[in-house]
């Protein structure tokens, strides 16, 4: 049961990462970037895409390792490290963007993912 929940939450994290990367180029975000100079626009694009990539990679890693962590004990630390990074990302997303529903969705996906797997 724990593996199914972990995999489901991991798929949700991957989906939020894809949404994050796609939203970077949406008209709403792109319109707000027009007021920034070229260097700031490039920096924002980089940071936004890397945040989305972190969610995709972290979700994929937890999805992939969920079945293997019990079988191979050496995977426990990388698995736990990934879960910690995702939980910190979720907490910071909600703290830094409290009016963004996607930030709260990331929090709701990542913190339970960490909590469920902390004792593995």
C-alpha atoms as a PDB file:
ATOM      1  CA  UNK A   1       0.000   0.000   0.000  1.00  0.00           C
ATOM      2  CA  UNK A   2       2.837   2.399   0.890  1.00  0.00           C
ATOM      3  CA  UNK A   3       4.413   1.852  -2.543  1.00  0.00           C
ATOM      4  CA  UNK A   4       1.150   2.662  -4.327  1.00  0.00           C
ATOM      5  CA  UNK A   5       0.710   5.900  -2.392  1.00  0.00           C
ATOM      6  CA  UNK A   6       4.372   6.798  -2.953  1.00  0.00           C
ATOM      7  CA  UNK A   7       4.084   6.141  -6.669  1.00  0.00           C
ATOM      8  CA  UNK A   8       0.831   8.094  -6.918  1.00  0.00           C
ATOM      9  CA  UNK A   9       2.296  11.106  -5.124  1.00  0.00           C
ATOM     10  CA  UNK A  10       5.452  10.837  -7.234  1.00  0.00           C
ATOM     11  CA  UNK A  11       3.406  10.954 -10.426  1.00  0.00           C
ATOM     12  CA  UNK A  12       1.655  14.043  -9.051  1.00  0.00           C
ATOM     13  CA  UNK A  13       5.031  15.688  -8.382  1.00  0.00           C
ATOM     14  CA  UNK A  14       6.163  14.868 -11.936  1.00  0.00           C
ATOM     15  CA  UNK A  15       2.942  16.356 -13.304  1.00  0.00           C
ATOM     16  CA  UNK A  16       3.436  19.541 -11.267  1.00  0.00           C
ATOM     17  CA  UNK A  17       6.988  19.801 -12.623  1.00  0.00           C
ATOM     18  CA  UNK A  18       5.717  19.537 -16.185  1.00  0.00           C
ATOM     19  CA  UNK A  19       3.025  22.143 -15.449  1.00  0.00           C
ATOM     20  CA  UNK A  20       5.672  24.399 -13.888  1.00  0.00           C
ATOM     21  CA  UNK A  21       7.905  24.194 -16.972  1.00  0.00           C
ATOM     22  CA  UNK A  22       4.972  24.733 -19.337  1.00  0.00           C
ATOM     23  CA  UNK A  23       3.643  27.672 -17.303  1.00  0.00           C
ATOM     24  CA  UNK A  24       7.009  29.394 -17.631  1.00  0.00           C
ATOM     25  CA  UNK A  25       6.134  30.132 -21.247  1.00  0.00           C
ATOM     26  CA  UNK A  26       2.445  30.920 -20.731  1.00  0.00           C
ATOM     27  CA  UNK A  27       1.190  34.380 -21.783  1.00  0.00           C
ATOM     28  CA  UNK A  28       0.418  35.296 -18.160  1.00  0.00           C
ATOM     29  CA  UNK A  29       4.019  34.774 -17.025  1.00  0.00           C
ATOM     30  CA  UNK A  30       5.598  35.974 -20.273  1.00  0.00           C
ATOM     31  CA  UNK A  31       3.613  39.222 -20.067  1.00  0.00           C
ATOM     32  CA  UNK A  32       4.958  39.947 -16.589  1.00  0.00           C
ATOM     33  CA  UNK A  33       8.504  39.321 -17.786  1.00  0.00           C
ATOM     34  CA  UNK A  34       8.289  42.068 -20.409  1.00  0.00           C
ATOM     35  CA  UNK A  35       8.974  44.712 -17.770  1.00  0.00           C
ATOM     36  CA  UNK A  36      12.289  43.087 -16.814  1.00  0.00           C
ATOM     37  CA  UNK A  37      15.557  43.685 -18.622  1.00  0.00           C
ATOM     38  CA  UNK A  38      16.969  40.892 -20.788  1.00  0.00           C
ATOM     39  CA  UNK A  39      19.330  39.604 -18.086  1.00  0.00           C
ATOM     40  CA  UNK A  40      16.575  39.390 -15.469  1.00  0.00           C
ATOM     41  CA  UNK A  41      14.261  37.655 -17.969  1.00  0.00           C
ATOM     42  CA  UNK A  42      16.912  35.041 -18.692  1.00  0.00           C
ATOM     43  CA  UNK A  43      17.604  34.527 -14.980  1.00  0.00           C
ATOM     44  CA  UNK A  44      13.882  34.110 -14.261  1.00  0.00           C
ATOM     45  CA  UNK A  45      13.482  31.609 -17.105  1.00  0.00           C
ATOM     46  CA  UNK A  46      16.446  29.603 -15.836  1.00  0.00           C
ATOM     47  CA  UNK A  47      15.198  29.550 -12.225  1.00  0.00           C
ATOM     48  CA  UNK A  48      11.670  28.658 -13.247  1.00  0.00           C
ATOM     49  CA  UNK A  49      12.726  25.853 -15.569  1.00  0.00           C
ATOM     50  CA  UNK A  50      15.154  24.445 -12.993  1.00  0.00           C
ATOM     51  CA  UNK A  51      12.430  24.396 -10.329  1.00  0.00           C
ATOM     52  CA  UNK A  52      10.206  22.440 -12.697  1.00  0.00           C
ATOM     53  CA  UNK A  53      13.095  20.137 -13.641  1.00  0.00           C
ATOM     54  CA  UNK A  54      13.780  19.469  -9.956  1.00  0.00           C
ATOM     55  CA  UNK A  55      10.182  18.399  -9.452  1.00  0.00           C
ATOM     56  CA  UNK A  56      10.298  16.147 -12.511  1.00  0.00           C
ATOM     57  CA  UNK A  57      13.611  14.553 -11.549  1.00  0.00           C
ATOM     58  CA  UNK A  58      12.699  14.204  -7.869  1.00  0.00           C
ATOM     59  CA  UNK A  59       9.328  12.684  -8.691  1.00  0.00           C
ATOM     60  CA  UNK A  60      10.882  10.305 -11.202  1.00  0.00           C
ATOM     61  CA  UNK A  61      13.584   9.273  -8.720  1.00  0.00           C
ATOM     62  CA  UNK A  62      11.100   8.536  -5.944  1.00  0.00           C
ATOM     63  CA  UNK A  63       8.828   6.705  -8.369  1.00  0.00           C
ATOM     64  CA  UNK A  64      11.715   4.562  -9.589  1.00  0.00           C
ATOM     65  CA  UNK A  65      13.243   3.822  -6.176  1.00  0.00           C
ATOM     66  CA  UNK A  66       9.983   3.184  -4.301  1.00  0.00           C
ATOM     67  CA  UNK A  67      10.081  -0.576  -4.996  1.00  0.00           C
ATOM     68  CA  UNK A  68      13.846  -0.943  -4.728  1.00  0.00           C
ATOM     69  CA  UNK A  69      14.576   0.839  -1.432  1.00  0.00           C
ATOM     70  CA  UNK A  70      13.469  -2.077   0.748  1.00  0.00           C
ATOM     71  CA  UNK A  71      15.361  -4.578  -1.363  1.00  0.00           C
ATOM     72  CA  UNK A  72      18.647  -2.643  -1.623  1.00  0.00           C
ATOM     73  CA  UNK A  73      19.600  -0.845   1.587  1.00  0.00           C
ATOM     74  CA  UNK A  74      22.248   1.335  -0.118  1.00  0.00           C
ATOM     75  CA  UNK A  75      19.420   3.187  -1.913  1.00  0.00           C
ATOM     76  CA  UNK A  76      17.873   4.390   1.328  1.00  0.00           C
ATOM     77  CA  UNK A  77      20.073   7.487   1.702  1.00  0.00           C
ATOM     78  CA  UNK A  78      19.643   8.782  -1.886  1.00  0.00           C
ATOM     79  CA  UNK A  79      15.906   8.073  -1.622  1.00  0.00           C
ATOM     80  CA  UNK A  80      15.642   9.934   1.695  1.00  0.00           C
ATOM     81  CA  UNK A  81      17.783  12.808   0.382  1.00  0.00           C
ATOM     82  CA  UNK A  82      15.441  13.190  -2.608  1.00  0.00           C
ATOM     83  CA  UNK A  83      12.390  13.148  -0.328  1.00  0.00           C
ATOM     84  CA  UNK A  84      13.939  15.806   1.935  1.00  0.00           C
ATOM     85  CA  UNK A  85      14.719  18.061  -1.038  1.00  0.00           C
ATOM     86  CA  UNK A  86      11.180  17.691  -2.377  1.00  0.00           C
ATOM     87  CA  UNK A  87       9.639  18.421   1.042  1.00  0.00           C
ATOM     88  CA  UNK A  88      11.814  21.525   1.467  1.00  0.00           C
ATOM     89  CA  UNK A  89      10.796  22.615  -2.034  1.00  0.00           C
ATOM     90  CA  UNK A  90       7.124  22.167  -1.167  1.00  0.00           C
ATOM     91  CA  UNK A  91       7.432  24.101   2.093  1.00  0.00           C
ATOM     92  CA  UNK A  92       9.369  26.947   0.480  1.00  0.00           C
ATOM     93  CA  UNK A  93       6.942  27.098  -2.454  1.00  0.00           C
ATOM     94  CA  UNK A  94       4.000  27.622  -0.099  1.00  0.00           C
ATOM     95  CA  UNK A  95       5.929  30.108   2.071  1.00  0.00           C
ATOM     96  CA  UNK A  96       7.238  32.181  -0.837  1.00  0.00           C
ATOM     97  CA  UNK A  97       4.085  32.082  -2.976  1.00  0.00           C
ATOM     98  CA  UNK A  98       1.138  31.828  -0.559  1.00  0.00           C
ATOM     99  CA  UNK A  99      -1.359  33.096  -3.158  1.00  0.00           C
ATOM    100  CA  UNK A 100      -0.324  30.535  -5.785  1.00  0.00           C
ATOM    101  CA  UNK A 101      -2.523  27.399  -5.698  1.00  0.00           C
ATOM    102  CA  UNK A 102       0.160  25.399  -7.503  1.00  0.00           C
ATOM    103  CA  UNK A 103       2.572  26.078  -4.633  1.00  0.00           C
ATOM    104  CA  UNK A 104       0.059  24.595  -2.214  1.00  0.00           C
ATOM    105  CA  UNK A 105      -0.439  21.607  -4.516  1.00  0.00           C
ATOM    106  CA  UNK A 106       3.315  20.993  -4.466  1.00  0.00           C
ATOM    107  CA  UNK A 107       3.279  21.212  -0.657  1.00  0.00           C
ATOM    108  CA  UNK A 108       0.365  18.757  -0.445  1.00  0.00           C
ATOM    109  CA  UNK A 109       2.224  16.291  -2.682  1.00  0.00           C
ATOM    110  CA  UNK A 110       5.753  16.527  -1.302  1.00  0.00           C
ATOM    111  CA  UNK A 111       5.322  16.687   2.479  1.00  0.00           C
ATOM    112  CA  UNK A 112       3.102  13.561   2.670  1.00  0.00           C
ATOM    113  CA  UNK A 113       5.527  11.817   0.296  1.00  0.00           C
ATOM    114  CA  UNK A 114       8.296  12.508   2.815  1.00  0.00           C
ATOM    115  CA  UNK A 115       6.117  11.656   5.858  1.00  0.00           C
ATOM    116  CA  UNK A 116       4.980   8.315   4.439  1.00  0.00           C
ATOM    117  CA  UNK A 117       8.513   7.201   3.616  1.00  0.00           C
ATOM    118  CA  UNK A 118      10.509   8.591   6.564  1.00  0.00           C
ATOM    119  CA  UNK A 119      10.572   5.256   8.405  1.00  0.00           C
ATOM    120  CA  UNK A 120      11.413   3.086   5.427  1.00  0.00           C
END
